[in-house]
Amino acid sequence: MIENQEARAKTLLDDELFKTVVETQRSLYINHILNSAEDAVDERERSLLKLRGLDEFIASLQSIAKSKDIREKRWRIF
């Protein structure tokens, strides 16, 4: 297990360069979907898959960053 992974994930998510790169990629994928030719279905699907992959990656990092809070809340329920 990686030491301090919650803190490291939070630091990465809060990093301005990381946020800029993620938003730039997200915009590129969305623009490619919106501005593609009408018959470019495969290209749009690939861009959509990339966009979903990026979103899943960010969600994984967010989950790691909040895992301590989730563990604490889980114990309060029981």
PDB file of N, CA and C in Angstrom:
ATOM      1  N   MET A   1       0.840  -1.185   0.000  1.00  0.00           N
ATOM      2  CA  MET A   1       0.000   0.000   0.000  1.00  0.00           C
ATOM      3  C   MET A   1       0.886   1.250   0.000  1.00  0.00           C
ATOM      4  N   ILE A   2       0.467   2.244  -0.706  1.00  0.00           N
ATOM      5  CA  ILE A   2       1.218   3.490  -0.820  1.00  0.00           C
ATOM      6  C   ILE A   2       0.978   4.331   0.433  1.00  0.00           C
ATOM      7  N   GLU A   3       2.067   4.827   1.001  1.00  0.00           N
ATOM      8  CA  GLU A   3       1.978   5.629   2.210  1.00  0.00           C
ATOM      9  C   GLU A   3       1.334   6.986   1.908  1.00  0.00           C
ATOM     10  N   ASN A   4       0.422   7.396   2.778  1.00  0.00           N
ATOM     11  CA  ASN A   4      -0.273   8.690   2.656  1.00  0.00           C
ATOM     12  C   ASN A   4      -0.972   8.865   1.312  1.00  0.00           C
ATOM     13  N   GLN A   5      -1.585   7.820   0.815  1.00  0.00           N
ATOM     14  CA  GLN A   5      -2.192   7.929  -0.509  1.00  0.00           C
ATOM     15  C   GLN A   5      -3.360   8.908  -0.533  1.00  0.00           C
ATOM     16  N   GLU A   6      -4.085   9.029   0.576  1.00  0.00           N
ATOM     17  CA  GLU A   6      -5.186  10.002   0.610  1.00  0.00           C
ATOM     18  C   GLU A   6      -4.653  11.417   0.407  1.00  0.00           C
ATOM     19  N   ALA A   7      -3.601  11.759   1.143  1.00  0.00           N
ATOM     20  CA  ALA A   7      -3.017  13.100   1.039  1.00  0.00           C
ATOM     21  C   ALA A   7      -2.404  13.327  -0.336  1.00  0.00           C
ATOM     22  N   ARG A   8      -1.755  12.311  -0.870  1.00  0.00           N
ATOM     23  CA  ARG A   8      -1.132  12.456  -2.192  1.00  0.00           C
ATOM     24  C   ARG A   8      -2.183  12.641  -3.277  1.00  0.00           C
ATOM     25  N   ALA A   9      -3.293  11.902  -3.186  1.00  0.00           N
ATOM     26  CA  ALA A   9      -4.365  12.044  -4.173  1.00  0.00           C
ATOM     27  C   ALA A   9      -4.986  13.433  -4.077  1.00  0.00           C
ATOM     28  N   LYS A  10      -5.215  13.907  -2.845  1.00  0.00           N
ATOM     29  CA  LYS A  10      -5.787  15.239  -2.659  1.00  0.00           C
ATOM     30  C   LYS A  10      -4.846  16.312  -3.203  1.00  0.00           C
ATOM     31  N   THR A  11      -3.557  16.165  -2.945  1.00  0.00           N
ATOM     32  CA  THR A  11      -2.574  17.126  -3.457  1.00  0.00           C
ATOM     33  C   THR A  11      -2.606  17.167  -4.983  1.00  0.00           C
ATOM     34  N   LEU A  12      -2.682  15.995  -5.595  1.00  0.00           N
ATOM     35  CA  LEU A  12      -2.735  15.932  -7.055  1.00  0.00           C
ATOM     36  C   LEU A  12      -4.004  16.590  -7.579  1.00  0.00           C
ATOM     37  N   LEU A  13      -5.143  16.304  -6.957  1.00  0.00           N
ATOM     38  CA  LEU A  13      -6.414  16.884  -7.401  1.00  0.00           C
ATOM     39  C   LEU A  13      -6.444  18.401  -7.220  1.00  0.00           C
ATOM     40  N   ASP A  14      -5.702  18.906  -6.237  1.00  0.00           N
ATOM     41  CA  ASP A  14      -5.662  20.347  -5.981  1.00  0.00           C
ATOM     42  C   ASP A  14      -4.585  21.068  -6.792  1.00  0.00           C
ATOM     43  N   ASP A  15      -3.721  20.327  -7.461  1.00  0.00           N
ATOM     44  CA  ASP A  15      -2.622  20.911  -8.219  1.00  0.00           C
ATOM     45  C   ASP A  15      -3.155  21.656  -9.452  1.00  0.00           C
ATOM     46  N   GLU A  16      -2.748  22.915  -9.590  1.00  0.00           N
ATOM     47  CA  GLU A  16      -3.249  23.744 -10.694  1.00  0.00           C
ATOM     48  C   GLU A  16      -2.875  23.197 -12.073  1.00  0.00           C
ATOM     49  N   LEU A  17      -1.658  22.719 -12.229  1.00  0.00           N
ATOM     50  CA  LEU A  17      -1.248  22.159 -13.518  1.00  0.00           C
ATOM     51  C   LEU A  17      -2.083  20.926 -13.853  1.00  0.00           C
ATOM     52  N   PHE A  18      -2.269  20.051 -12.881  1.00  0.00           N
ATOM     53  CA  PHE A  18      -3.061  18.840 -13.099  1.00  0.00           C
ATOM     54  C   PHE A  18      -4.483  19.211 -13.503  1.00  0.00           C
ATOM     55  N   LYS A  19      -5.097  20.154 -12.771  1.00  0.00           N
ATOM     56  CA  LYS A  19      -6.466  20.563 -13.091  1.00  0.00           C
ATOM     57  C   LYS A  19      -6.547  21.172 -14.492  1.00  0.00           C
ATOM     58  N   THR A  20      -5.540  21.948 -14.866  1.00  0.00           N
ATOM     59  CA  THR A  20      -5.519  22.569 -16.195  1.00  0.00           C
ATOM     60  C   THR A  20      -5.413  21.510 -17.290  1.00  0.00           C
ATOM     61  N   VAL A  21      -4.537  20.536 -17.089  1.00  0.00           N
ATOM     62  CA  VAL A  21      -4.367  19.469 -18.080  1.00  0.00           C
ATOM     63  C   VAL A  21      -5.654  18.661 -18.224  1.00  0.00           C
ATOM     64  N   VAL A  22      -6.279  18.325 -17.105  1.00  0.00           N
ATOM     65  CA  VAL A  22      -7.527  17.546 -17.143  1.00  0.00           C
ATOM     66  C   VAL A  22      -8.616  18.324 -17.876  1.00  0.00           C
ATOM     67  N   GLU A  23      -8.771  19.600 -17.547  1.00  0.00           N
ATOM     68  CA  GLU A  23      -9.808  20.400 -18.204  1.00  0.00           C
ATOM     69  C   GLU A  23      -9.511  20.615 -19.689  1.00  0.00           C
ATOM     70  N   THR A  24      -8.245  20.750 -20.038  1.00  0.00           N
ATOM     71  CA  THR A  24      -7.867  20.887 -21.442  1.00  0.00           C
ATOM     72  C   THR A  24      -8.221  19.620 -22.216  1.00  0.00           C
ATOM     73  N   GLN A  25      -7.879  18.467 -21.651  1.00  0.00           N
ATOM     74  CA  GLN A  25      -8.210  17.205 -22.311  1.00  0.00           C
ATOM     75  C   GLN A  25      -9.716  17.030 -22.430  1.00  0.00           C
ATOM     76  N   ARG A  26     -10.435  17.337 -21.353  1.00  0.00           N
ATOM     77  CA  ARG A  26     -11.896  17.214 -21.385  1.00  0.00           C
ATOM     78  C   ARG A  26     -12.469  18.102 -22.493  1.00  0.00           C
ATOM     79  N   SER A  27     -11.987  19.324 -22.595  1.00  0.00           N
ATOM     80  CA  SER A  27     -12.461  20.241 -23.643  1.00  0.00           C
ATOM     81  C   SER A  27     -12.133  19.725 -25.036  1.00  0.00           C
ATOM     82  N   LEU A  28     -10.933  19.167 -25.204  1.00  0.00           N
ATOM     83  CA  LEU A  28     -10.559  18.610 -26.507  1.00  0.00           C
ATOM     84  C   LEU A  28     -11.491  17.479 -26.921  1.00  0.00           C
ATOM     85  N   TYR A  29     -11.765  16.577 -25.983  1.00  0.00           N
ATOM     86  CA  TYR A  29     -12.651  15.456 -26.301  1.00  0.00           C
ATOM     87  C   TYR A  29     -14.065  15.943 -26.633  1.00  0.00           C
ATOM     88  N   ILE A  30     -14.576  16.873 -25.849  1.00  0.00           N
ATOM     89  CA  ILE A  30     -15.929  17.388 -26.086  1.00  0.00           C
ATOM     90  C   ILE A  30     -15.995  18.135 -27.409  1.00  0.00           C
ATOM     91  N   ASN A  31     -14.999  18.964 -27.682  1.00  0.00           N
ATOM     92  CA  ASN A  31     -14.983  19.688 -28.953  1.00  0.00           C
ATOM     93  C   ASN A  31     -14.889  18.739 -30.142  1.00  0.00           C
ATOM     94  N   HIS A  32     -14.129  17.677 -29.978  1.00  0.00           N
ATOM     95  CA  HIS A  32     -14.020  16.697 -31.069  1.00  0.00           C
ATOM     96  C   HIS A  32     -15.367  16.039 -31.319  1.00  0.00           C
ATOM     97  N   ILE A  33     -16.095  15.734 -30.247  1.00  0.00           N
ATOM     98  CA  ILE A  33     -17.419  15.124 -30.389  1.00  0.00           C
ATOM     99  C   ILE A  33     -18.373  16.100 -31.072  1.00  0.00           C
ATOM    100  N   LEU A  34     -18.384  17.337 -30.613  1.00  0.00           N
ATOM    101  CA  LEU A  34     -19.340  18.326 -31.136  1.00  0.00           C
ATOM    102  C   LEU A  34     -19.017  18.803 -32.546  1.00  0.00           C
ATOM    103  N   ASN A  35     -17.741  18.815 -32.908  1.00  0.00           N
ATOM    104  CA  ASN A  35     -17.344  19.375 -34.199  1.00  0.00           C
ATOM    105  C   ASN A  35     -16.964  18.327 -35.242  1.00  0.00           C
ATOM    106  N   SER A  36     -17.237  17.074 -34.966  1.00  0.00           N
ATOM    107  CA  SER A  36     -16.888  16.029 -35.929  1.00  0.00           C
ATOM    108  C   SER A  36     -17.915  15.979 -37.054  1.00  0.00           C
ATOM    109  N   ALA A  37     -17.507  15.379 -38.141  1.00  0.00           N
ATOM    110  CA  ALA A  37     -18.408  15.235 -39.285  1.00  0.00           C
ATOM    111  C   ALA A  37     -19.584  14.334 -38.908  1.00  0.00           C
ATOM    112  N   GLU A  38     -20.675  14.549 -39.586  1.00  0.00           N
ATOM    113  CA  GLU A  38     -21.897  13.805 -39.283  1.00  0.00           C
ATOM    114  C   GLU A  38     -21.692  12.290 -39.372  1.00  0.00           C
ATOM    115  N   ASP A  39     -20.890  11.848 -40.334  1.00  0.00           N
ATOM    116  CA  ASP A  39     -20.698  10.410 -40.532  1.00  0.00           C
ATOM    117  C   ASP A  39     -19.503   9.848 -39.748  1.00  0.00           C
ATOM    118  N   ALA A  40     -18.896  10.636 -38.870  1.00  0.00           N
ATOM    119  CA  ALA A  40     -17.719  10.206 -38.102  1.00  0.00           C
ATOM    120  C   ALA A  40     -18.131   9.580 -36.769  1.00  0.00           C
ATOM    121  N   VAL A  41     -18.994   8.602 -36.837  1.00  0.00           N
ATOM    122  CA  VAL A  41     -19.533   7.961 -35.639  1.00  0.00           C
ATOM    123  C   VAL A  41     -18.428   7.295 -34.824  1.00  0.00           C
ATOM    124  N   ASP A  42     -17.549   6.563 -35.474  1.00  0.00           N
ATOM    125  CA  ASP A  42     -16.469   5.866 -34.762  1.00  0.00           C
ATOM    126  C   ASP A  42     -15.548   6.848 -34.038  1.00  0.00           C
ATOM    127  N   GLU A  43     -15.255   7.955 -34.668  1.00  0.00           N
ATOM    128  CA  GLU A  43     -14.392   8.969 -34.044  1.00  0.00           C
ATOM    129  C   GLU A  43     -15.060   9.562 -32.804  1.00  0.00           C
ATOM    130  N   ARG A  44     -16.360   9.835 -32.899  1.00  0.00           N
ATOM    131  CA  ARG A  44     -17.090  10.373 -31.747  1.00  0.00           C
ATOM    132  C   ARG A  44     -17.134   9.350 -30.618  1.00  0.00           C
ATOM    133  N   GLU A  45     -17.347   8.101 -30.963  1.00  0.00           N
ATOM    134  CA  GLU A  45     -17.394   7.053 -29.932  1.00  0.00           C
ATOM    135  C   GLU A  45     -16.049   6.923 -29.229  1.00  0.00           C
ATOM    136  N   ARG A  46     -14.956   6.991 -29.980  1.00  0.00           N
ATOM    137  CA  ARG A  46     -13.619   6.922 -29.365  1.00  0.00           C
ATOM    138  C   ARG A  46     -13.396   8.111 -28.423  1.00  0.00           C
ATOM    139  N   SER A  47     -13.805   9.289 -28.862  1.00  0.00           N
ATOM    140  CA  SER A  47     -13.656  10.474 -28.011  1.00  0.00           C
ATOM    141  C   SER A  47     -14.519  10.367 -26.758  1.00  0.00           C
ATOM    142  N   LEU A  48     -15.704   9.819 -26.903  1.00  0.00           N
ATOM    143  CA  LEU A  48     -16.582   9.629 -25.748  1.00  0.00           C
ATOM    144  C   LEU A  48     -15.973   8.623 -24.770  1.00  0.00           C
ATOM    145  N   LEU A  49     -15.393   7.553 -25.287  1.00  0.00           N
ATOM    146  CA  LEU A  49     -14.731   6.578 -24.426  1.00  0.00           C
ATOM    147  C   LEU A  49     -13.554   7.206 -23.689  1.00  0.00           C
ATOM    148  N   LYS A  50     -12.790   8.033 -24.379  1.00  0.00           N
ATOM    149  CA  LYS A  50     -11.667   8.720 -23.742  1.00  0.00           C
ATOM    150  C   LYS A  50     -12.170   9.664 -22.645  1.00  0.00           C
ATOM    151  N   LEU A  51     -13.246  10.374 -22.919  1.00  0.00           N
ATOM    152  CA  LEU A  51     -13.833  11.285 -21.941  1.00  0.00           C
ATOM    153  C   LEU A  51     -14.316  10.514 -20.714  1.00  0.00           C
ATOM    154  N   ARG A  52     -14.962   9.396 -20.934  1.00  0.00           N
ATOM    155  CA  ARG A  52     -15.415   8.562 -19.806  1.00  0.00           C
ATOM    156  C   ARG A  52     -14.238   8.009 -19.016  1.00  0.00           C
ATOM    157  N   GLY A  53     -13.185   7.614 -19.717  1.00  0.00           N
ATOM    158  CA  GLY A  53     -11.982   7.125 -19.042  1.00  0.00           C
ATOM    159  C   GLY A  53     -11.356   8.200 -18.173  1.00  0.00           C
ATOM    160  N   LEU A  54     -11.289   9.419 -18.689  1.00  0.00           N
ATOM    161  CA  LEU A  54     -10.760  10.538 -17.917  1.00  0.00           C
ATOM    162  C   LEU A  54     -11.616  10.781 -16.679  1.00  0.00           C
ATOM    163  N   ASP A  55     -12.926  10.759 -16.841  1.00  0.00           N
ATOM    164  CA  ASP A  55     -13.834  10.957 -15.708  1.00  0.00           C
ATOM    165  C   ASP A  55     -13.684   9.845 -14.666  1.00  0.00           C
ATOM    166  N   GLU A  56     -13.534   8.602 -15.110  1.00  0.00           N
ATOM    167  CA  GLU A  56     -13.344   7.487 -14.182  1.00  0.00           C
ATOM    168  C   GLU A  56     -12.020   7.615 -13.438  1.00  0.00           C
ATOM    169  N   PHE A  57     -10.971   8.069 -14.127  1.00  0.00           N
ATOM    170  CA  PHE A  57      -9.675   8.275 -13.498  1.00  0.00           C
ATOM    171  C   PHE A  57      -9.779   9.319 -12.391  1.00  0.00           C
ATOM    172  N   ILE A  58     -10.436  10.451 -12.689  1.00  0.00           N
ATOM    173  CA  ILE A  58     -10.611  11.509 -11.696  1.00  0.00           C
ATOM    174  C   ILE A  58     -11.468  11.003 -10.537  1.00  0.00           C
ATOM    175  N   ALA A  59     -12.517  10.248 -10.828  1.00  0.00           N
ATOM    176  CA  ALA A  59     -13.367   9.697  -9.770  1.00  0.00           C
ATOM    177  C   ALA A  59     -12.576   8.747  -8.872  1.00  0.00           C
ATOM    178  N   SER A  60     -11.672   7.981  -9.442  1.00  0.00           N
ATOM    179  CA  SER A  60     -10.827   7.086  -8.647  1.00  0.00           C
ATOM    180  C   SER A  60      -9.930   7.879  -7.710  1.00  0.00           C
ATOM    181  N   LEU A  61      -9.328   8.932  -8.221  1.00  0.00           N
ATOM    182  CA  LEU A  61      -8.490   9.789  -7.379  1.00  0.00           C
ATOM    183  C   LEU A  61      -9.315  10.446  -6.268  1.00  0.00           C
ATOM    184  N   GLN A  62     -10.513  10.895  -6.595  1.00  0.00           N
ATOM    185  CA  GLN A  62     -11.380  11.509  -5.588  1.00  0.00           C
ATOM    186  C   GLN A  62     -11.769  10.506  -4.519  1.00  0.00           C
ATOM    187  N   SER A  63     -12.018   9.282  -4.933  1.00  0.00           N
ATOM    188  CA  SER A  63     -12.356   8.227  -3.981  1.00  0.00           C
ATOM    189  C   SER A  63     -11.190   7.946  -3.038  1.00  0.00           C
ATOM    190  N   ILE A  64      -9.995   7.895  -3.577  1.00  0.00           N
ATOM    191  CA  ILE A  64      -8.807   7.678  -2.745  1.00  0.00           C
ATOM    192  C   ILE A  64      -8.635   8.845  -1.775  1.00  0.00           C
ATOM    193  N   ALA A  65      -8.813  10.065  -2.265  1.00  0.00           N
ATOM    194  CA  ALA A  65      -8.640  11.252  -1.434  1.00  0.00           C
ATOM    195  C   ALA A  65      -9.647  11.294  -0.289  1.00  0.00           C
ATOM    196  N   LYS A  66     -10.831  10.715  -0.498  1.00  0.00           N
ATOM    197  CA  LYS A  66     -11.884  10.753   0.515  1.00  0.00           C
ATOM    198  C   LYS A  66     -12.028   9.444   1.276  1.00  0.00           C
ATOM    199  N   SER A  67     -11.136   8.493   1.040  1.00  0.00           N
ATOM    200  CA  SER A  67     -11.295   7.174   1.651  1.00  0.00           C
ATOM    201  C   SER A  67     -11.262   7.221   3.177  1.00  0.00           C
ATOM    202  N   LYS A  68     -10.480   8.111   3.757  1.00  0.00           N
ATOM    203  CA  LYS A  68     -10.439   8.237   5.219  1.00  0.00           C
ATOM    204  C   LYS A  68     -11.800   8.696   5.737  1.00  0.00           C
ATOM    205  N   ASP A  69     -12.390   9.704   5.098  1.00  0.00           N
ATOM    206  CA  ASP A  69     -13.716  10.186   5.493  1.00  0.00           C
ATOM    207  C   ASP A  69     -14.766   9.099   5.344  1.00  0.00           C
ATOM    208  N   ILE A  70     -14.672   8.332   4.274  1.00  0.00           N
ATOM    209  CA  ILE A  70     -15.630   7.253   4.023  1.00  0.00           C
ATOM    210  C   ILE A  70     -15.507   6.188   5.109  1.00  0.00           C
ATOM    211  N   ARG A  71     -14.267   5.835   5.459  1.00  0.00           N
ATOM    212  CA  ARG A  71     -14.060   4.843   6.530  1.00  0.00           C
ATOM    213  C   ARG A  71     -14.639   5.327   7.852  1.00  0.00           C
ATOM    214  N   GLU A  72     -14.421   6.591   8.180  1.00  0.00           N
ATOM    215  CA  GLU A  72     -14.930   7.144   9.433  1.00  0.00           C
ATOM    216  C   GLU A  72     -16.459   7.160   9.450  1.00  0.00           C
ATOM    217  N   LYS A  73     -17.085   7.521   8.351  1.00  0.00           N
ATOM    218  CA  LYS A  73     -18.544   7.545   8.289  1.00  0.00           C
ATOM    219  C   LYS A  73     -19.127   6.137   8.346  1.00  0.00           C
ATOM    220  N   ARG A  74     -18.424   5.182   7.758  1.00  0.00           N
ATOM    221  CA  ARG A  74     -18.888   3.808   7.768  1.00  0.00           C
ATOM    222  C   ARG A  74     -18.989   3.299   9.205  1.00  0.00           C
ATOM    223  N   TRP A  75     -18.023   3.650  10.035  1.00  0.00           N
ATOM    224  CA  TRP A  75     -18.042   3.192  11.430  1.00  0.00           C
ATOM    225  C   TRP A  75     -19.123   3.882  12.226  1.00  0.00           C
ATOM    226  N   ARG A  76     -19.499   5.086  11.884  1.00  0.00           N
ATOM    227  CA  ARG A  76     -20.581   5.777  12.581  1.00  0.00           C
ATOM    228  C   ARG A  76     -21.929   5.137  12.297  1.00  0.00           C
ATOM    229  N   ILE A  77     -22.082   4.586  11.116  1.00  0.00           N
ATOM    230  CA  ILE A  77     -23.353   3.942  10.738  1.00  0.00           C
ATOM    231  C   ILE A  77     -23.575   2.681  11.570  1.00  0.00           C
ATOM    232  N   PHE A  78     -22.503   1.926  11.760  1.00  0.00           N
ATOM    233  CA  PHE A  78     -22.629   0.688  12.528  1.00  0.00           C
ATOM    234  C   PHE A  78     -22.458   1.012  13.963  1.00  0.00           C
TER     235      PHE A  78
END
